Amino acid sequence: MTLKDYYETMGISPEVYEYASKIEESLKERFTSLDVTTEYNQMKVLYVMQKNKLAEAHFSATTGYGYNDIGRETLEKVYADIFKTEDALVRPQITCGTHALNLALFSNLRPGDELLSPVGKPYDTLEEVIGIRPSKGSLREYGISYQQADLLPDGQFDFDGIRAAINEKTKLVIIQRSKGYDTRPTLSVERIGELIRFVKSIKPDVICMVDNCYGEFVEEREPSEVGADMVVGSLIKNPGGGLAPIGGYICGTKECIENAAYRLTSPGLGKEVGASLGINDRLFQGLFLAPCVVNSALKGAIFAANLYESLGFKVVPNGTESRHDIIQAVELKSPELLVAFCEGIQAAAPVDSYVRPEPWDMPGYDSKVIMAAGAFVSGSSIELSADGPLKDPYAVYFQGGLTYPHVKFGIMMSLQKIVEKGLISLPK
């Protein structure tokens, strides 16, 4: 069979195939430019692994308390070197990105302190952590207050609003790099650095923490290289390279990481305990592959942006903007289009392709959410996935893809489902 025959056999009509192929052809030069950043980040990861003398012995399993786990200790040195920080906490005991963020916040804030978000409302799952929505065990219950400065309508920082929000109680500033369930621009590392310098010019001792989820290895620098005291993320997103089965990381100053370690385990124990349970090899290998996996996801996001923009949909970022994370938002404007898009992503998956996703009341969200993901690691959003809340503007948030050909197929299948349902017609 020819390549086109494979696509037709797997459900892509000749019309969708030809339309998508024209879009892809126009992106070849853009894709080549992404490879330069990927090569830089690949060499950075390789250099750090060699510098820390990564060896087969570091893949050995530990159980129980996990004392003297040289693999775990080396992994954390590697992360600290890649992110250019004093220390790192990288553990399978950190269950997800929200848990990592929760850990970083609770360990470095005390009753009477105030948390500030200078970039608007944080991601939905942090609302209950902070106490914006009432929840047992929130920061609010522990006497930690919260302030927020929204971005200006054009997406720029409201410097006057931020200055007014910073006060004697402000202890920690949380900067969300990615857009979350919003259609604001993702923050570049350069813009994050600008914001941190402004905040610290007002209050030098404030802790600046960056939610780095979906942004790792998209640029040559990380937020920790422009003044962030902590960068936080999930291993089943970018840095796990699709191989990490669980885990999260916090990289930052010695004091911030020590506080986080004592919160994760227990005062007096800290980083000394926490068995690696035989998954160190997957965490190391996933990190090694991560720059190239991120490259595939970025190419897929750019392909999606240009395809749907050409059909008249608003996309964020647009088809020509620079990229600072792997997420692509498409405002579909109707629940039917949102559901059809996600059905297409699911149908293109290697796992559970026969399943039809349905909107549901997902914990941590304030509206029904539809999620499409047929992943080898459950919930892994560095693998091909799409999701969105069923509320205006009915935007779908598409991310991930371990290989570009698979991402391309997923986007083509999303369009196929929309066309089959008669929701749009392709231009002639």
Protein backbone atom coordinates (compact mmCIF):
# COMPACT_ATOMS: atom_id res chain seq x y z
CA MET A 1 0.00 0.00 0.00
CA THR A 2 1.02 3.59 -0.58
CA LEU A 3 1.09 6.11 2.25
CA LYS A 4 -2.17 7.60 1.00
CA ASP A 5 -3.70 4.09 0.94
CA TYR A 6 -2.82 3.64 4.62
CA TYR A 7 -4.52 6.90 5.51
CA GLU A 8 -7.64 5.97 3.52
CA THR A 9 -7.74 2.50 5.08
CA MET A 10 -7.62 4.12 8.52
CA GLY A 11 -10.50 6.47 7.78
CA ILE A 12 -9.04 9.60 6.19
CA SER A 13 -10.90 10.66 3.06
CA PRO A 14 -8.95 11.76 -0.05
CA GLU A 15 -10.34 15.29 0.40
CA VAL A 16 -9.05 15.63 3.98
CA TYR A 17 -5.73 14.01 3.02
CA GLU A 18 -5.13 16.41 0.14
CA TYR A 19 -6.16 19.48 2.14
CA ALA A 20 -3.92 18.57 5.08
CA SER A 21 -1.00 17.74 2.78
CA LYS A 22 -1.08 21.25 1.28
CA ILE A 23 -0.93 22.77 4.76
CA GLU A 24 1.98 20.53 5.75
CA GLU A 25 3.93 21.36 2.59
CA SER A 26 3.87 25.05 3.51
CA LEU A 27 5.48 24.35 6.90
CA LYS A 28 8.71 22.59 5.91
CA GLU A 29 10.95 25.61 6.47
CA ARG A 30 9.33 26.29 9.86
CA PHE A 31 9.84 22.68 10.92
CA THR A 32 13.52 22.83 10.00
CA SER A 33 14.00 25.85 12.27
CA LEU A 34 12.59 23.88 15.22
CA ASP A 35 15.29 21.28 14.78
CA VAL A 36 17.98 23.82 15.75
CA THR A 37 16.52 24.27 19.24
CA THR A 38 16.01 20.53 19.55
CA GLU A 39 19.64 19.82 18.74
CA TYR A 40 20.77 22.38 21.33
CA ASN A 41 18.60 20.84 24.05
CA GLN A 42 19.60 17.31 23.10
CA MET A 43 23.26 18.17 23.48
CA LYS A 44 22.56 19.93 26.77
CA VAL A 45 20.89 16.81 28.21
CA LEU A 46 23.63 14.53 26.89
CA TYR A 47 26.38 16.79 28.28
CA VAL A 48 24.80 16.82 31.74
CA MET A 49 24.36 13.03 31.80
CA GLN A 50 28.00 12.53 30.87
CA LYS A 51 29.12 15.19 33.36
CA ASN A 52 27.36 13.32 36.17
CA LYS A 53 28.82 9.99 35.00
CA LEU A 54 25.47 8.30 34.49
CA ALA A 55 26.05 4.54 34.72
CA GLU A 56 24.08 1.30 34.50
CA ALA A 57 24.35 1.02 38.28
CA HIS A 58 22.05 4.04 38.58
CA PHE A 59 19.18 1.98 37.12
CA SER A 60 19.11 -0.47 40.04
CA ALA A 61 15.91 -0.62 42.08
CA THR A 62 15.53 0.32 45.73
CA THR A 63 12.60 -0.44 48.00
CA GLY A 64 11.42 0.47 51.47
CA TYR A 65 13.09 3.59 52.80
CA GLY A 66 15.30 3.91 49.73
CA TYR A 67 18.39 4.91 51.67
CA ASN A 68 21.53 5.42 49.57
CA ASP A 69 19.65 5.32 46.25
CA ILE A 70 22.48 6.49 44.00
CA GLY A 71 20.23 6.47 40.93
CA ARG A 72 17.73 8.82 42.58
CA GLU A 73 20.51 11.10 43.76
CA THR A 74 22.12 11.20 40.31
CA LEU A 75 18.77 11.89 38.63
CA GLU A 76 18.27 14.90 40.87
CA LYS A 77 21.78 16.17 40.11
CA VAL A 78 21.06 15.81 36.39
CA TYR A 79 17.81 17.79 36.69
CA ALA A 80 19.51 20.50 38.75
CA ASP A 81 22.26 20.83 36.13
CA ILE A 82 19.85 20.91 33.17
CA PHE A 83 17.74 23.61 34.82
CA LYS A 84 20.85 25.34 36.21
CA THR A 85 19.59 25.35 39.80
CA GLU A 86 21.20 24.64 43.16
CA ASP A 87 19.15 21.51 43.83
CA ALA A 88 16.23 19.40 42.61
CA LEU A 89 13.56 17.06 43.92
CA VAL A 90 12.53 14.47 41.30
CA ARG A 91 10.36 11.68 42.66
CA PRO A 92 7.81 9.06 41.62
CA GLN A 93 6.12 9.83 44.95
CA ILE A 94 5.02 13.15 43.37
CA THR A 95 1.89 11.91 41.65
CA CYS A 96 1.23 14.64 39.06
CA GLY A 97 1.86 18.25 38.11
CA THR A 98 -0.83 19.59 40.46
CA HIS A 99 0.74 17.61 43.32
CA ALA A 100 4.18 19.06 42.50
CA LEU A 101 2.78 22.60 42.50
CA ASN A 102 0.86 21.95 45.73
CA LEU A 103 4.04 20.60 47.32
CA ALA A 104 6.10 23.62 46.28
CA LEU A 105 3.46 26.04 47.60
CA PHE A 106 2.70 24.38 50.92
CA SER A 107 6.36 23.82 51.72
CA ASN A 108 7.40 27.41 51.16
CA LEU A 109 4.41 29.31 52.56
CA ARG A 110 3.41 29.73 56.20
CA PRO A 111 0.23 30.96 57.93
CA GLY A 112 -0.03 34.72 57.48
CA ASP A 113 1.84 34.72 54.15
CA GLU A 114 0.23 35.78 50.90
CA LEU A 115 0.43 34.16 47.47
CA LEU A 116 0.25 36.36 44.37
CA SER A 117 -0.49 35.39 40.79
CA PRO A 118 0.52 38.27 38.50
CA VAL A 119 -0.71 36.52 35.34
CA GLY A 120 -4.41 36.06 36.11
CA LYS A 121 -6.35 33.03 37.28
CA PRO A 122 -4.26 29.87 37.66
CA TYR A 123 -5.09 26.53 36.09
CA ASP A 124 -8.40 25.03 37.27
CA THR A 125 -6.93 22.29 39.47
CA LEU A 126 -5.01 24.89 41.51
CA GLU A 127 -8.18 26.75 42.47
CA GLU A 128 -8.93 24.22 45.20
CA VAL A 129 -5.29 24.05 46.27
CA ILE A 130 -5.29 27.81 46.81
CA GLY A 131 -8.84 28.03 48.14
CA ILE A 132 -10.33 30.13 45.35
CA ARG A 133 -12.94 27.38 45.31
CA PRO A 134 -13.53 26.03 48.82
CA SER A 135 -11.78 22.72 49.46
CA LYS A 136 -10.56 20.78 52.45
CA GLY A 137 -6.88 21.34 53.17
CA SER A 138 -6.47 24.39 50.93
CA LEU A 139 -3.90 27.12 51.53
CA ARG A 140 -6.77 29.33 52.61
CA GLU A 141 -7.66 26.91 55.42
CA TYR A 142 -4.09 27.28 56.67
CA GLY A 143 -4.35 31.05 56.84
CA ILE A 144 -2.50 31.77 53.59
CA SER A 145 -4.18 34.54 51.60
CA TYR A 146 -4.24 35.01 47.84
CA GLN A 147 -4.12 37.98 45.47
CA GLN A 148 -4.31 38.12 41.72
CA ALA A 149 -3.36 40.67 39.08
CA ASP A 150 -4.97 39.96 35.74
CA LEU A 151 -3.24 40.41 32.43
CA LEU A 152 -4.27 43.39 30.37
CA PRO A 153 -6.69 42.80 27.46
CA ASP A 154 -3.77 42.61 25.01
CA GLY A 155 -2.06 39.92 27.12
CA GLN A 156 0.60 42.25 28.56
CA PHE A 157 1.47 42.42 32.26
CA ASP A 158 -0.43 44.93 34.37
CA PHE A 159 2.66 46.33 36.07
CA ASP A 160 0.67 48.95 38.00
CA GLY A 161 -1.72 46.27 39.25
CA ILE A 162 1.14 43.98 40.23
CA ARG A 163 2.92 46.78 42.10
CA ALA A 164 -0.28 47.56 44.01
CA ALA A 165 -0.82 43.88 44.88
CA ILE A 166 2.63 43.32 46.40
CA ASN A 167 2.65 44.05 50.13
CA GLU A 168 4.44 43.09 53.35
CA LYS A 169 2.66 39.71 53.40
CA THR A 170 3.59 38.72 49.85
CA LYS A 171 5.86 35.71 50.23
CA LEU A 172 5.57 33.81 46.95
CA VAL A 173 4.66 34.75 43.39
CA ILE A 174 3.38 31.97 41.12
CA ILE A 175 3.82 32.46 37.37
CA GLN A 176 1.98 30.03 35.12
CA ARG A 177 3.94 29.70 31.90
CA SER A 178 1.29 27.93 29.86
CA LYS A 179 -2.22 29.14 29.14
CA GLY A 180 -4.24 26.46 30.97
CA TYR A 181 -7.93 26.53 30.03
CA ASP A 182 -7.58 30.07 28.75
CA THR A 183 -6.79 31.57 25.38
CA ARG A 184 -4.15 34.02 26.59
CA PRO A 185 -0.64 33.87 25.11
CA THR A 186 1.81 31.45 26.68
CA LEU A 187 4.69 33.27 28.38
CA SER A 188 8.12 33.09 26.80
CA VAL A 189 11.16 32.63 29.01
CA GLU A 190 12.18 36.18 28.13
CA ARG A 191 8.83 37.60 29.33
CA ILE A 192 8.98 35.50 32.49
CA GLY A 193 12.42 36.97 33.20
CA GLU A 194 11.08 40.49 32.67
CA LEU A 195 8.25 39.82 35.14
CA ILE A 196 10.57 38.31 37.77
CA ARG A 197 12.96 41.27 37.56
CA PHE A 198 10.04 43.66 38.06
CA VAL A 199 8.67 41.74 41.06
CA LYS A 200 12.08 41.47 42.72
CA SER A 201 12.76 45.18 42.15
CA ILE A 202 9.78 45.82 44.43
CA LYS A 203 10.41 43.03 46.95
CA PRO A 204 13.80 41.31 46.49
CA ASP A 205 13.19 38.49 48.98
CA VAL A 206 9.94 37.25 47.41
CA ILE A 207 10.05 33.68 46.06
CA CYS A 208 9.28 33.53 42.33
CA MET A 209 7.96 30.14 41.29
CA VAL A 210 7.14 29.12 37.72
CA ASP A 211 4.60 26.47 36.76
CA ASN A 212 6.70 25.10 33.90
CA CYS A 213 4.26 22.42 32.73
CA TYR A 214 4.26 21.95 28.92
CA GLY A 215 7.18 24.35 28.46
CA GLU A 216 10.30 22.26 29.08
CA PHE A 217 12.73 22.07 26.11
CA VAL A 218 10.57 24.30 23.89
CA GLU A 219 13.20 27.03 24.13
CA GLU A 220 16.94 26.87 24.73
CA ARG A 221 16.57 28.43 28.20
CA GLU A 222 14.34 27.54 31.14
CA PRO A 223 12.74 30.04 33.57
CA SER A 224 15.28 29.09 36.25
CA GLU A 225 17.91 30.76 34.03
CA VAL A 226 16.14 34.13 34.21
CA GLY A 227 15.64 34.42 37.95
CA ALA A 228 13.00 31.88 38.99
CA ASP A 229 13.63 30.51 42.47
CA MET A 230 11.64 27.36 41.64
CA VAL A 231 10.47 25.69 38.43
CA VAL A 232 7.89 22.95 38.80
CA GLY A 233 6.51 20.33 36.43
CA SER A 234 5.27 16.82 35.74
CA LEU A 235 7.27 13.87 34.46
CA ILE A 236 4.32 12.62 32.37
CA LYS A 237 4.54 15.84 30.38
CA ASN A 238 7.59 17.11 28.46
CA PRO A 239 10.58 15.99 30.57
CA GLY A 240 9.45 12.37 30.89
CA GLY A 241 9.69 11.88 27.13
CA GLY A 242 6.71 9.52 27.15
CA LEU A 243 8.57 6.88 29.17
CA ALA A 244 8.17 8.15 32.73
CA PRO A 245 5.21 6.26 34.26
CA ILE A 246 4.63 8.81 37.05
CA GLY A 247 6.39 11.60 38.89
CA GLY A 248 7.06 15.28 39.21
CA TYR A 249 9.99 17.63 39.70
CA ILE A 250 10.86 20.81 41.54
CA CYS A 251 14.16 22.50 40.68
CA GLY A 252 15.33 25.55 42.55
CA THR A 253 17.30 27.08 45.39
CA LYS A 254 18.73 24.86 48.11
CA GLU A 255 16.32 26.27 50.70
CA CYS A 256 13.20 25.89 48.55
CA ILE A 257 14.07 22.29 47.65
CA GLU A 258 14.90 21.40 51.26
CA ASN A 259 11.53 22.77 52.34
CA ALA A 260 9.78 20.76 49.63
CA ALA A 261 11.60 17.56 50.57
CA TYR A 262 10.60 17.90 54.23
CA ARG A 263 7.00 18.43 53.16
CA LEU A 264 7.04 15.45 50.75
CA THR A 265 8.40 13.02 53.33
CA SER A 266 8.77 14.28 56.90
CA PRO A 267 10.72 16.86 58.91
CA GLY A 268 14.05 15.25 59.73
CA LEU A 269 13.91 12.86 56.76
CA GLY A 270 13.69 15.06 53.67
CA LYS A 271 15.52 13.81 50.58
CA GLU A 272 17.17 10.89 52.38
CA VAL A 273 14.17 8.58 51.88
CA GLY A 274 11.98 7.64 48.91
CA ALA A 275 12.61 4.42 47.03
CA SER A 276 12.86 4.60 43.24
CA LEU A 277 11.11 1.21 42.83
CA GLY A 278 13.01 0.24 39.71
CA ILE A 279 11.86 3.01 37.38
CA ASN A 280 15.03 5.11 37.30
CA ASP A 281 15.97 3.77 33.87
CA ARG A 282 12.66 5.00 32.42
CA LEU A 283 13.06 8.41 34.05
CA PHE A 284 16.59 8.79 32.68
CA GLN A 285 15.78 7.48 29.20
CA GLY A 286 12.61 9.56 28.99
CA LEU A 287 14.60 12.67 29.89
CA PHE A 288 17.18 11.78 27.24
CA LEU A 289 14.45 11.49 24.58
CA ALA A 290 12.50 14.51 25.76
CA PRO A 291 13.97 17.17 23.43
CA CYS A 292 13.09 15.12 20.34
CA VAL A 293 9.65 14.17 21.67
CA VAL A 294 8.93 17.85 22.38
CA ASN A 295 10.03 18.62 18.82
CA SER A 296 7.39 16.21 17.46
CA ALA A 297 4.71 17.74 19.68
CA LEU A 298 5.64 21.26 18.56
CA LYS A 299 5.49 20.34 14.89
CA GLY A 300 2.09 18.80 15.46
CA ALA A 301 0.85 21.92 17.27
CA ILE A 302 2.04 24.17 14.44
CA PHE A 303 0.40 21.89 11.86
CA ALA A 304 -2.88 22.01 13.84
CA ALA A 305 -2.72 25.80 14.17
CA ASN A 306 -2.24 26.34 10.46
CA LEU A 307 -4.83 23.75 9.44
CA TYR A 308 -7.62 25.11 11.63
CA GLU A 309 -6.69 28.74 11.08
CA SER A 310 -7.05 28.15 7.35
CA LEU A 311 -10.62 27.00 8.03
CA GLY A 312 -11.50 30.24 9.80
CA PHE A 313 -11.09 29.25 13.43
CA LYS A 314 -9.27 31.39 15.98
CA VAL A 315 -6.16 29.56 17.16
CA VAL A 316 -3.79 30.45 20.02
CA PRO A 317 -0.94 30.73 19.22
CA ASN A 318 -1.73 31.60 15.62
CA GLY A 319 -0.10 29.86 12.70
CA THR A 320 2.98 32.08 12.54
CA GLU A 321 3.67 33.04 16.19
CA SER A 322 6.74 31.79 18.05
CA ARG A 323 6.09 28.82 20.34
CA HIS A 324 6.71 28.74 24.10
CA ASP A 325 4.83 25.55 25.05
CA ILE A 326 3.40 22.51 23.29
CA ILE A 327 -0.29 23.40 23.77
CA GLN A 328 -2.44 24.51 20.86
CA ALA A 329 -5.83 26.08 21.55
CA VAL A 330 -8.55 26.16 18.91
CA GLU A 331 -11.75 28.10 19.62
CA LEU A 332 -14.43 25.88 18.09
CA LYS A 333 -17.41 27.94 19.31
CA SER A 334 -19.79 24.98 19.67
CA PRO A 335 -20.04 21.88 21.88
CA GLU A 336 -20.65 19.70 18.81
CA LEU A 337 -17.37 20.76 17.21
CA LEU A 338 -15.48 20.29 20.49
CA VAL A 339 -16.83 16.76 20.93
CA ALA A 340 -16.16 15.84 17.28
CA PHE A 341 -12.56 17.10 17.49
CA CYS A 342 -11.90 14.98 20.57
CA GLU A 343 -13.55 11.95 18.98
CA GLY A 344 -11.06 12.27 16.13
CA ILE A 345 -8.04 12.44 18.43
CA GLN A 346 -9.28 9.37 20.30
CA ALA A 347 -9.88 7.46 17.06
CA ALA A 348 -6.26 8.12 16.04
CA ALA A 349 -4.78 6.73 19.27
CA PRO A 350 -2.69 3.54 19.47
CA VAL A 351 -4.51 2.62 22.72
CA ASP A 352 -8.32 2.63 23.14
CA SER A 353 -8.89 3.94 19.60
CA TYR A 354 -12.33 2.26 19.59
CA VAL A 355 -13.52 4.24 22.62
CA ARG A 356 -15.67 7.36 22.18
CA PRO A 357 -14.89 10.13 24.69
CA GLU A 358 -17.80 11.69 26.58
CA PRO A 359 -17.98 14.96 28.57
CA TRP A 360 -18.04 14.36 32.34
CA ASP A 361 -17.83 16.11 35.71
CA MET A 362 -14.11 15.72 36.30
CA PRO A 363 -12.71 16.36 39.81
CA GLY A 364 -11.01 19.75 40.13
CA TYR A 365 -12.97 21.46 37.32
CA ASP A 366 -16.02 23.74 37.47
CA SER A 367 -17.73 22.46 34.31
CA LYS A 368 -18.01 19.27 32.30
CA VAL A 369 -14.77 18.39 30.53
CA ILE A 370 -14.17 16.14 27.55
CA MET A 371 -10.80 14.43 27.28
CA ALA A 372 -9.37 12.34 24.48
CA ALA A 373 -6.24 10.29 25.11
CA GLY A 374 -5.19 6.83 24.12
CA ALA A 375 -1.87 6.74 25.92
CA PHE A 376 0.64 4.10 26.98
CA VAL A 377 0.93 5.99 30.30
CA SER A 378 -2.46 6.91 31.72
CA GLY A 379 -3.01 10.66 31.66
CA SER A 380 0.29 11.35 29.94
CA SER A 381 -0.16 14.66 28.14
CA ILE A 382 3.16 14.45 26.33
CA GLU A 383 1.39 11.70 24.39
CA LEU A 384 -1.24 12.77 21.86
CA SER A 385 -4.25 14.16 23.71
CA ALA A 386 -6.93 16.81 23.52
CA ASP A 387 -9.36 18.18 26.05
CA GLY A 388 -11.54 21.14 26.85
CA PRO A 389 -14.30 22.37 29.12
CA LEU A 390 -17.82 22.49 27.74
CA LYS A 391 -18.25 26.20 28.13
CA ASP A 392 -17.87 29.22 25.89
CA PRO A 393 -15.76 29.64 23.70
CA TYR A 394 -15.70 25.81 23.49
CA ALA A 395 -11.96 25.81 22.97
CA VAL A 396 -10.09 22.56 22.57
CA TYR A 397 -6.58 22.30 23.98
CA PHE A 398 -4.46 19.95 21.95
CA GLN A 399 -1.01 18.80 23.04
CA GLY A 400 1.60 16.10 22.85
CA GLY A 401 2.59 13.40 20.44
CA LEU A 402 5.56 11.09 20.76
CA THR A 403 6.11 11.13 16.99
CA TYR A 404 5.15 13.75 14.44
CA PRO A 405 3.48 11.28 12.01
CA HIS A 406 1.12 10.22 14.77
CA VAL A 407 0.28 13.84 15.68
CA LYS A 408 -0.37 14.59 12.02
CA PHE A 409 -2.74 11.62 11.76
CA GLY A 410 -4.56 12.72 14.92
CA ILE A 411 -5.17 16.22 13.61
CA MET A 412 -6.31 14.88 10.25
CA MET A 413 -8.70 12.52 12.03
CA SER A 414 -10.10 15.37 14.13
CA LEU A 415 -10.90 17.22 10.91
CA GLN A 416 -12.32 14.05 9.36
CA LYS A 417 -14.83 13.61 12.20
CA ILE A 418 -15.91 17.25 11.95
CA VAL A 419 -16.41 16.96 8.18
CA GLU A 420 -18.28 13.63 8.49
CA LYS A 421 -20.74 15.18 10.94
CA GLY A 422 -21.45 17.97 8.47
CA LEU A 423 -20.22 20.64 10.87
CA ILE A 424 -17.91 22.28 8.31
CA SER A 425 -17.09 21.93 4.62
CA LEU A 426 -13.59 21.98 3.19
CA PRO A 427 -12.74 24.84 0.79
CA LYS A 428 -12.64 23.77 -2.83
